[in-house]
Amino acid sequence: MRDSSPDSISSASSSNVRTSVYDHYSQQSLRQSGPGYSLPALPTPHSISVEDQLQAELLALRQKLREAEVEAARYRAALEESRAQELAHGLPTPPPTASFQQDWKSRTEVRKKMFCSLNRAGNALCAWHDSRRERRSFPPRNAPPGYLNCGCTCEEALFEESLSRHGIGSYYPGESVRMDPALRNPLLKLLQQRYGYQDGDFERNPTTGDWLKGEGAALWEARAHSGSTSRRRVEVDRQ
């Protein structure tokens, strides 16, 4: 028979002691409790240690953390894409209320009276044609509703004036740089078709939808009554 090492003897002895204690405890409990008594759950030699349980919980928490990080990265990517689209297409402007729409309509009508009215010769002209001696499309006082005698529409004339106040082209007679109708009219049509542009859109706050300072209907009416306009027509009757 081979000699056993001290370590193996110690391990075997320890195992025998644990088994003996467990058997003794079980038999004693059965005697004390009588028939039908079940043994309490006792740790066995193969039970998971506290250290192993903590390690398993730590691994599970790390897995949840990785999943949360992946979800957070996906959310950040979606948020950045949304912001990029907003910068590319502009922030959505809130729809106007009924009262604001009425104010908007009044503002446009006042502007038409200021910039699309007849001159002394009975012609209503846009700024471009007002500075040129070109043949008019319609005879004096006989332009169709919504049109000027030069053939441009009231919308195009108001668009021309609005552009000039935003640094695009010029409006005052005598200034050399103006918005040629060949460029102005197709641009207006494009904005109307693509974005639903109306006179006054450039003068609204893109975030709140309210008028910018000095752009409400009441202010334009006061300006019209005082005779103050941003357009200084040449006091010469043009045929």
C-alpha atoms as a PDB file:
ATOM      1  CA  MET A   1       0.000   0.000   0.000  1.00  0.00           C
ATOM      2  CA  ARG A   2       1.322   3.446  -0.967  1.00  0.00           C
ATOM      3  CA  ASP A   3       2.013   6.006   1.708  1.00  0.00           C
ATOM      4  CA  SER A   4      -0.475   8.862   1.782  1.00  0.00           C
ATOM      5  CA  SER A   5       0.707  12.409   1.897  1.00  0.00           C
ATOM      6  CA  PRO A   6      -0.125  14.647   4.878  1.00  0.00           C
ATOM      7  CA  ASP A   7      -2.297  16.890   2.630  1.00  0.00           C
ATOM      8  CA  SER A   8      -4.481  14.045   1.429  1.00  0.00           C
ATOM      9  CA  ILE A   9      -4.833  12.703   4.941  1.00  0.00           C
ATOM     10  CA  SER A  10      -5.851  16.146   6.177  1.00  0.00           C
ATOM     11  CA  SER A  11      -8.393  16.580   3.361  1.00  0.00           C
ATOM     12  CA  ALA A  12      -9.935  13.200   3.959  1.00  0.00           C
ATOM     13  CA  SER A  13     -10.132  13.799   7.661  1.00  0.00           C
ATOM     14  CA  SER A  14     -11.821  17.155   7.147  1.00  0.00           C
ATOM     15  CA  SER A  15     -14.367  15.600   4.800  1.00  0.00           C
ATOM     16  CA  ASN A  16     -15.117  12.794   7.234  1.00  0.00           C
ATOM     17  CA  VAL A  17     -15.606  15.277  10.061  1.00  0.00           C
ATOM     18  CA  ARG A  18     -18.074  17.371   8.044  1.00  0.00           C
ATOM     19  CA  THR A  19     -19.992  14.215   7.025  1.00  0.00           C
ATOM     20  CA  SER A  20     -20.123  12.956  10.604  1.00  0.00           C
ATOM     21  CA  VAL A  21     -21.356  16.282  11.932  1.00  0.00           C
ATOM     22  CA  TYR A  22     -24.005  16.476   9.193  1.00  0.00           C
ATOM     23  CA  ASP A  23     -25.232  12.898   9.876  1.00  0.00           C
ATOM     24  CA  HIS A  24     -25.307  13.494  13.605  1.00  0.00           C
ATOM     25  CA  TYR A  25     -27.247  16.719  13.201  1.00  0.00           C
ATOM     26  CA  SER A  26     -29.724  15.072  10.837  1.00  0.00           C
ATOM     27  CA  GLN A  27     -30.401  12.083  13.080  1.00  0.00           C
ATOM     28  CA  GLN A  28     -30.764  14.266  16.154  1.00  0.00           C
ATOM     29  CA  SER A  29     -33.210  16.581  14.364  1.00  0.00           C
ATOM     30  CA  LEU A  30     -35.327  13.648  13.192  1.00  0.00           C
ATOM     31  CA  ARG A  31     -35.526  12.252  16.695  1.00  0.00           C
ATOM     32  CA  GLN A  32     -36.552  15.598  18.161  1.00  0.00           C
ATOM     33  CA  SER A  33     -39.103  16.562  15.513  1.00  0.00           C
ATOM     34  CA  GLY A  34     -40.821  13.275  14.872  1.00  0.00           C
ATOM     35  CA  PRO A  35     -42.243  11.898  11.647  1.00  0.00           C
ATOM     36  CA  GLY A  36     -42.917  14.267   8.718  1.00  0.00           C
ATOM     37  CA  TYR A  37     -40.154  16.655   9.673  1.00  0.00           C
ATOM     38  CA  SER A  38     -37.941  17.838   6.801  1.00  0.00           C
ATOM     39  CA  LEU A  39     -34.343  18.683   7.284  1.00  0.00           C
ATOM     40  CA  PRO A  40     -33.366  22.347   7.142  1.00  0.00           C
ATOM     41  CA  ALA A  41     -31.241  23.481   4.250  1.00  0.00           C
ATOM     42  CA  LEU A  42     -27.668  23.112   5.331  1.00  0.00           C
ATOM     43  CA  PRO A  43     -24.600  23.972   3.391  1.00  0.00           C
ATOM     44  CA  THR A  44     -23.056  21.007   1.657  1.00  0.00           C
ATOM     45  CA  PRO A  45     -19.496  20.514   0.535  1.00  0.00           C
ATOM     46  CA  HIS A  46     -20.547  21.470  -3.020  1.00  0.00           C
ATOM     47  CA  SER A  47     -22.527  24.657  -2.147  1.00  0.00           C
ATOM     48  CA  ILE A  48     -21.566  27.988  -3.930  1.00  0.00           C
ATOM     49  CA  SER A  49     -19.451  30.155  -1.722  1.00  0.00           C
ATOM     50  CA  VAL A  50     -20.311  33.766  -0.904  1.00  0.00           C
ATOM     51  CA  GLU A  51     -17.354  34.888  -2.980  1.00  0.00           C
ATOM     52  CA  ASP A  52     -18.656  32.990  -6.015  1.00  0.00           C
ATOM     53  CA  GLN A  53     -22.128  34.523  -5.596  1.00  0.00           C
ATOM     54  CA  LEU A  54     -20.660  38.019  -5.438  1.00  0.00           C
ATOM     55  CA  GLN A  55     -18.581  37.317  -8.507  1.00  0.00           C
ATOM     56  CA  ALA A  56     -21.655  36.135 -10.429  1.00  0.00           C
ATOM     57  CA  GLU A  57     -23.622  39.217  -9.393  1.00  0.00           C
ATOM     58  CA  LEU A  58     -20.718  41.439 -10.445  1.00  0.00           C
ATOM     59  CA  LEU A  59     -20.598  39.819 -13.874  1.00  0.00           C
ATOM     60  CA  ALA A  60     -24.369  40.304 -14.278  1.00  0.00           C
ATOM     61  CA  LEU A  61     -24.096  43.970 -13.322  1.00  0.00           C
ATOM     62  CA  ARG A  62     -21.269  44.468 -15.788  1.00  0.00           C
ATOM     63  CA  GLN A  63     -23.393  42.923 -18.528  1.00  0.00           C
ATOM     64  CA  LYS A  64     -26.279  45.262 -17.719  1.00  0.00           C
ATOM     65  CA  LEU A  65     -23.863  48.198 -17.727  1.00  0.00           C
ATOM     66  CA  ARG A  66     -22.617  47.266 -21.201  1.00  0.00           C
ATOM     67  CA  GLU A  67     -26.188  46.994 -22.467  1.00  0.00           C
ATOM     68  CA  ALA A  68     -27.024  50.408 -20.969  1.00  0.00           C
ATOM     69  CA  GLU A  69     -23.947  51.943 -22.615  1.00  0.00           C
ATOM     70  CA  VAL A  70     -24.949  50.526 -25.994  1.00  0.00           C
ATOM     71  CA  GLU A  71     -28.483  51.912 -25.572  1.00  0.00           C
ATOM     72  CA  ALA A  72     -27.123  55.316 -24.510  1.00  0.00           C
ATOM     73  CA  ALA A  73     -24.829  55.422 -27.553  1.00  0.00           C
ATOM     74  CA  ARG A  74     -27.775  54.595 -29.815  1.00  0.00           C
ATOM     75  CA  TYR A  75     -29.832  57.365 -28.219  1.00  0.00           C
ATOM     76  CA  ARG A  76     -27.015  59.917 -28.599  1.00  0.00           C
ATOM     77  CA  ALA A  77     -26.597  59.006 -32.260  1.00  0.00           C
ATOM     78  CA  ALA A  78     -30.335  59.455 -32.878  1.00  0.00           C
ATOM     79  CA  LEU A  79     -30.298  62.796 -31.045  1.00  0.00           C
ATOM     80  CA  GLU A  80     -27.341  64.070 -33.056  1.00  0.00           C
ATOM     81  CA  GLU A  81     -29.035  63.028 -36.292  1.00  0.00           C
ATOM     82  CA  SER A  82     -32.201  64.840 -35.258  1.00  0.00           C
ATOM     83  CA  ARG A  83     -30.230  67.999 -34.458  1.00  0.00           C
ATOM     84  CA  ALA A  84     -28.415  67.784 -37.773  1.00  0.00           C
ATOM     85  CA  GLN A  85     -31.732  67.562 -39.610  1.00  0.00           C
ATOM     86  CA  GLU A  86     -33.063  70.560 -37.701  1.00  0.00           C
ATOM     87  CA  LEU A  87     -30.001  72.587 -38.648  1.00  0.00           C
ATOM     88  CA  ALA A  88     -30.329  71.515 -42.264  1.00  0.00           C
ATOM     89  CA  HIS A  89     -34.061  72.162 -42.597  1.00  0.00           C
ATOM     90  CA  GLY A  90     -34.628  74.779 -39.925  1.00  0.00           C
ATOM     91  CA  LEU A  91     -36.687  74.590 -36.796  1.00  0.00           C
ATOM     92  CA  PRO A  92     -40.409  74.108 -37.291  1.00  0.00           C
ATOM     93  CA  THR A  93     -42.358  77.314 -36.704  1.00  0.00           C
ATOM     94  CA  PRO A  94     -45.559  76.921 -34.658  1.00  0.00           C
ATOM     95  CA  PRO A  95     -48.738  77.312 -36.736  1.00  0.00           C
ATOM     96  CA  PRO A  96     -50.296  80.779 -36.476  1.00  0.00           C
ATOM     97  CA  THR A  97     -53.384  81.284 -34.360  1.00  0.00           C
ATOM     98  CA  ALA A  98     -56.634  82.654 -35.794  1.00  0.00           C
ATOM     99  CA  SER A  99     -55.955  86.111 -34.359  1.00  0.00           C
ATOM    100  CA  PHE A 100     -52.418  86.116 -35.747  1.00  0.00           C
ATOM    101  CA  GLN A 101     -53.684  85.109 -39.183  1.00  0.00           C
ATOM    102  CA  GLN A 102     -56.085  88.059 -39.121  1.00  0.00           C
ATOM    103  CA  ASP A 103     -53.254  90.372 -38.109  1.00  0.00           C
ATOM    104  CA  TRP A 104     -51.122  88.888 -40.891  1.00  0.00           C
ATOM    105  CA  LYS A 105     -53.831  89.530 -43.472  1.00  0.00           C
ATOM    106  CA  SER A 106     -54.242  93.130 -42.314  1.00  0.00           C
ATOM    107  CA  ARG A 107     -50.495  93.654 -42.480  1.00  0.00           C
ATOM    108  CA  THR A 108     -50.330  92.386 -46.063  1.00  0.00           C
ATOM    109  CA  GLU A 109     -53.219  94.613 -47.170  1.00  0.00           C
ATOM    110  CA  VAL A 110     -51.559  97.678 -45.673  1.00  0.00           C
ATOM    111  CA  ARG A 111     -48.317  96.840 -47.454  1.00  0.00           C
ATOM    112  CA  LYS A 112     -50.164  96.471 -50.755  1.00  0.00           C
ATOM    113  CA  LYS A 113     -51.603  99.958 -50.342  1.00  0.00           C
ATOM    114  CA  MET A 114     -48.137 101.314 -49.624  1.00  0.00           C
ATOM    115  CA  PHE A 115     -46.141  99.559 -52.335  1.00  0.00           C
ATOM    116  CA  CYS A 116     -48.683  98.629 -55.003  1.00  0.00           C
ATOM    117  CA  SER A 117     -50.690 101.829 -55.278  1.00  0.00           C
ATOM    118  CA  LEU A 118     -51.206 103.876 -58.442  1.00  0.00           C
ATOM    119  CA  ASN A 119     -48.884 106.752 -59.196  1.00  0.00           C
ATOM    120  CA  ARG A 120     -50.066 110.043 -60.682  1.00  0.00           C
ATOM    121  CA  ALA A 121     -50.138 108.542 -64.153  1.00  0.00           C
ATOM    122  CA  GLY A 122     -52.400 105.708 -62.992  1.00  0.00           C
ATOM    123  CA  ASN A 123     -49.724 103.039 -63.045  1.00  0.00           C
ATOM    124  CA  ALA A 124     -48.855 100.667 -60.238  1.00  0.00           C
ATOM    125  CA  LEU A 125     -45.277  99.443 -60.679  1.00  0.00           C
ATOM    126  CA  CYS A 126     -42.772  97.279 -58.875  1.00  0.00           C
ATOM    127  CA  ALA A 127     -39.488  98.939 -57.873  1.00  0.00           C
ATOM    128  CA  TRP A 128     -37.624  97.359 -60.773  1.00  0.00           C
ATOM    129  CA  HIS A 129     -39.980  98.658 -63.478  1.00  0.00           C
ATOM    130  CA  ASP A 130     -40.551 101.937 -61.649  1.00  0.00           C
ATOM    131  CA  SER A 131     -36.950 102.851 -62.398  1.00  0.00           C
ATOM    132  CA  ARG A 132     -37.118 101.915 -66.093  1.00  0.00           C
ATOM    133  CA  ARG A 133     -38.927 103.398 -69.039  1.00  0.00           C
ATOM    134  CA  GLU A 134     -40.288 100.179 -70.402  1.00  0.00           C
ATOM    135  CA  ARG A 135     -43.597  99.517 -72.047  1.00  0.00           C
ATOM    136  CA  ARG A 136     -46.248  98.605 -69.516  1.00  0.00           C
ATOM    137  CA  SER A 137     -48.106  95.316 -69.759  1.00  0.00           C
ATOM    138  CA  PHE A 138     -51.429  96.956 -68.915  1.00  0.00           C
ATOM    139  CA  PRO A 139     -52.757 100.455 -69.621  1.00  0.00           C
ATOM    140  CA  PRO A 140     -53.141 102.934 -66.749  1.00  0.00           C
ATOM    141  CA  ARG A 141     -55.780 101.970 -64.184  1.00  0.00           C
ATOM    142  CA  ASN A 142     -56.594  98.759 -66.075  1.00  0.00           C
ATOM    143  CA  ALA A 143     -54.345  96.136 -64.495  1.00  0.00           C
ATOM    144  CA  PRO A 144     -56.215  92.933 -63.462  1.00  0.00           C
ATOM    145  CA  PRO A 145     -56.796  92.327 -59.737  1.00  0.00           C
ATOM    146  CA  GLY A 146     -53.585  91.248 -58.050  1.00  0.00           C
ATOM    147  CA  TYR A 147     -51.398  92.620 -60.874  1.00  0.00           C
ATOM    148  CA  LEU A 148     -49.452  95.794 -61.429  1.00  0.00           C
ATOM    149  CA  ASN A 149     -49.344  97.696 -64.705  1.00  0.00           C
ATOM    150  CA  CYS A 150     -45.817  96.471 -65.310  1.00  0.00           C
ATOM    151  CA  GLY A 151     -47.100  92.885 -65.404  1.00  0.00           C
ATOM    152  CA  CYS A 152     -45.690  91.845 -62.026  1.00  0.00           C
ATOM    153  CA  THR A 153     -47.995  90.670 -59.253  1.00  0.00           C
ATOM    154  CA  CYS A 154     -48.530  92.372 -55.919  1.00  0.00           C
ATOM    155  CA  GLU A 155     -46.893  89.359 -54.253  1.00  0.00           C
ATOM    156  CA  GLU A 156     -43.784  89.843 -56.382  1.00  0.00           C
ATOM    157  CA  ALA A 157     -43.628  93.543 -55.532  1.00  0.00           C
ATOM    158  CA  LEU A 158     -43.934  92.853 -51.803  1.00  0.00           C
ATOM    159  CA  PHE A 159     -41.374  90.079 -52.088  1.00  0.00           C
ATOM    160  CA  GLU A 160     -38.977  92.515 -53.749  1.00  0.00           C
ATOM    161  CA  GLU A 161     -39.396  95.010 -50.908  1.00  0.00           C
ATOM    162  CA  SER A 162     -38.969  92.334 -48.229  1.00  0.00           C
ATOM    163  CA  LEU A 163     -35.791  91.001 -49.825  1.00  0.00           C
ATOM    164  CA  SER A 164     -34.273  94.469 -49.931  1.00  0.00           C
ATOM    165  CA  ARG A 165     -34.807  94.941 -46.191  1.00  0.00           C
ATOM    166  CA  HIS A 166     -32.864  91.728 -45.620  1.00  0.00           C
ATOM    167  CA  GLY A 167     -29.936  92.900 -47.724  1.00  0.00           C
ATOM    168  CA  ILE A 168     -30.880  91.133 -50.963  1.00  0.00           C
ATOM    169  CA  GLY A 169     -31.079  93.545 -53.855  1.00  0.00           C
ATOM    170  CA  SER A 170     -32.131  97.137 -53.361  1.00  0.00           C
ATOM    171  CA  TYR A 171     -35.388  99.011 -53.445  1.00  0.00           C
ATOM    172  CA  TYR A 172     -34.833 102.735 -53.440  1.00  0.00           C
ATOM    173  CA  PRO A 173     -34.924 104.580 -56.773  1.00  0.00           C
ATOM    174  CA  GLY A 174     -31.468 105.570 -57.891  1.00  0.00           C
ATOM    175  CA  GLU A 175     -29.703 102.562 -56.373  1.00  0.00           C
ATOM    176  CA  SER A 176     -27.859 100.471 -58.930  1.00  0.00           C
ATOM    177  CA  VAL A 177     -28.269  96.951 -57.531  1.00  0.00           C
ATOM    178  CA  ARG A 178     -31.819  95.602 -57.697  1.00  0.00           C
ATOM    179  CA  MET A 179     -33.584  92.263 -57.822  1.00  0.00           C
ATOM    180  CA  ASP A 180     -34.153  91.543 -61.508  1.00  0.00           C
ATOM    181  CA  PRO A 181     -37.663  90.083 -62.090  1.00  0.00           C
ATOM    182  CA  ALA A 182     -36.032  87.263 -64.078  1.00  0.00           C
ATOM    183  CA  LEU A 183     -34.493  86.117 -60.796  1.00  0.00           C
ATOM    184  CA  ARG A 184     -36.999  87.485 -58.299  1.00  0.00           C
ATOM    185  CA  ASN A 185     -40.139  85.889 -59.725  1.00  0.00           C
ATOM    186  CA  PRO A 186     -38.846  82.294 -60.091  1.00  0.00           C
ATOM    187  CA  LEU A 187     -37.329  82.535 -56.597  1.00  0.00           C
ATOM    188  CA  LEU A 188     -40.667  83.593 -55.147  1.00  0.00           C
ATOM    189  CA  LYS A 189     -42.454  80.774 -56.955  1.00  0.00           C
ATOM    190  CA  LEU A 190     -39.948  78.247 -55.647  1.00  0.00           C
ATOM    191  CA  LEU A 191     -40.358  79.446 -52.062  1.00  0.00           C
ATOM    192  CA  GLN A 192     -44.133  79.341 -52.381  1.00  0.00           C
ATOM    193  CA  GLN A 193     -44.172  75.812 -53.773  1.00  0.00           C
ATOM    194  CA  ARG A 194     -41.530  74.367 -51.488  1.00  0.00           C
ATOM    195  CA  TYR A 195     -42.171  76.209 -48.211  1.00  0.00           C
ATOM    196  CA  GLY A 196     -45.561  77.873 -48.642  1.00  0.00           C
ATOM    197  CA  TYR A 197     -44.002  81.325 -48.428  1.00  0.00           C
ATOM    198  CA  GLN A 198     -46.255  84.294 -47.762  1.00  0.00           C
ATOM    199  CA  ASP A 199     -45.421  87.976 -47.479  1.00  0.00           C
ATOM    200  CA  GLY A 200     -44.224  88.449 -43.892  1.00  0.00           C
ATOM    201  CA  ASP A 201     -42.549  85.051 -43.418  1.00  0.00           C
ATOM    202  CA  PHE A 202     -39.114  86.683 -43.364  1.00  0.00           C
ATOM    203  CA  GLU A 203     -40.268  89.008 -40.579  1.00  0.00           C
ATOM    204  CA  ARG A 204     -41.440  86.299 -38.154  1.00  0.00           C
ATOM    205  CA  ASN A 205     -39.467  84.730 -35.330  1.00  0.00           C
ATOM    206  CA  PRO A 206     -38.692  81.198 -36.594  1.00  0.00           C
ATOM    207  CA  THR A 207     -38.970  79.718 -33.096  1.00  0.00           C
ATOM    208  CA  THR A 208     -42.076  81.419 -31.671  1.00  0.00           C
ATOM    209  CA  GLY A 209     -43.795  82.456 -34.914  1.00  0.00           C
ATOM    210  CA  ASP A 210     -44.393  85.978 -33.568  1.00  0.00           C
ATOM    211  CA  TRP A 211     -43.599  89.154 -35.483  1.00  0.00           C
ATOM    212  CA  LEU A 212     -40.159  90.596 -35.162  1.00  0.00           C
ATOM    213  CA  LYS A 213     -39.937  94.013 -33.571  1.00  0.00           C
ATOM    214  CA  GLY A 214     -41.691  96.649 -35.670  1.00  0.00           C
ATOM    215  CA  GLU A 215     -43.390  94.201 -38.054  1.00  0.00           C
ATOM    216  CA  GLY A 216     -46.946  93.856 -36.713  1.00  0.00           C
ATOM    217  CA  ALA A 217     -50.014  95.073 -38.592  1.00  0.00           C
ATOM    218  CA  ALA A 218     -50.647  97.974 -36.190  1.00  0.00           C
ATOM    219  CA  LEU A 219     -47.136  99.327 -36.738  1.00  0.00           C
ATOM    220  CA  TRP A 220     -47.482  99.102 -40.505  1.00  0.00           C
ATOM    221  CA  GLU A 221     -50.833 100.890 -40.351  1.00  0.00           C
ATOM    222  CA  ALA A 222     -49.293 103.663 -38.268  1.00  0.00           C
ATOM    223  CA  ARG A 223     -46.466 103.898 -40.763  1.00  0.00           C
ATOM    224  CA  ALA A 224     -48.934 104.171 -43.635  1.00  0.00           C
ATOM    225  CA  HIS A 225     -50.976 106.883 -41.904  1.00  0.00           C
ATOM    226  CA  SER A 226     -47.859 108.910 -41.171  1.00  0.00           C
ATOM    227  CA  GLY A 227     -46.793 108.689 -44.817  1.00  0.00           C
ATOM    228  CA  SER A 228     -43.556 106.963 -43.861  1.00  0.00           C
ATOM    229  CA  THR A 229     -42.558 104.194 -46.230  1.00  0.00           C
ATOM    230  CA  SER A 230     -39.348 102.360 -46.894  1.00  0.00           C
ATOM    231  CA  ARG A 231     -39.836 103.103 -50.560  1.00  0.00           C
ATOM    232  CA  ARG A 232     -39.105 106.621 -51.743  1.00  0.00           C
ATOM    233  CA  ARG A 233     -40.779 106.788 -55.121  1.00  0.00           C
ATOM    234  CA  VAL A 234     -39.458 109.258 -57.595  1.00  0.00           C
ATOM    235  CA  GLU A 235     -41.994 112.025 -57.821  1.00  0.00           C
ATOM    236  CA  VAL A 236     -42.248 111.723 -61.574  1.00  0.00           C
ATOM    237  CA  ASP A 237     -45.211 110.339 -63.407  1.00  0.00           C
ATOM    238  CA  ARG A 238     -44.171 107.518 -65.648  1.00  0.00           C
ATOM    239  CA  GLN A 239     -46.258 106.241 -68.540  1.00  0.00           C
END
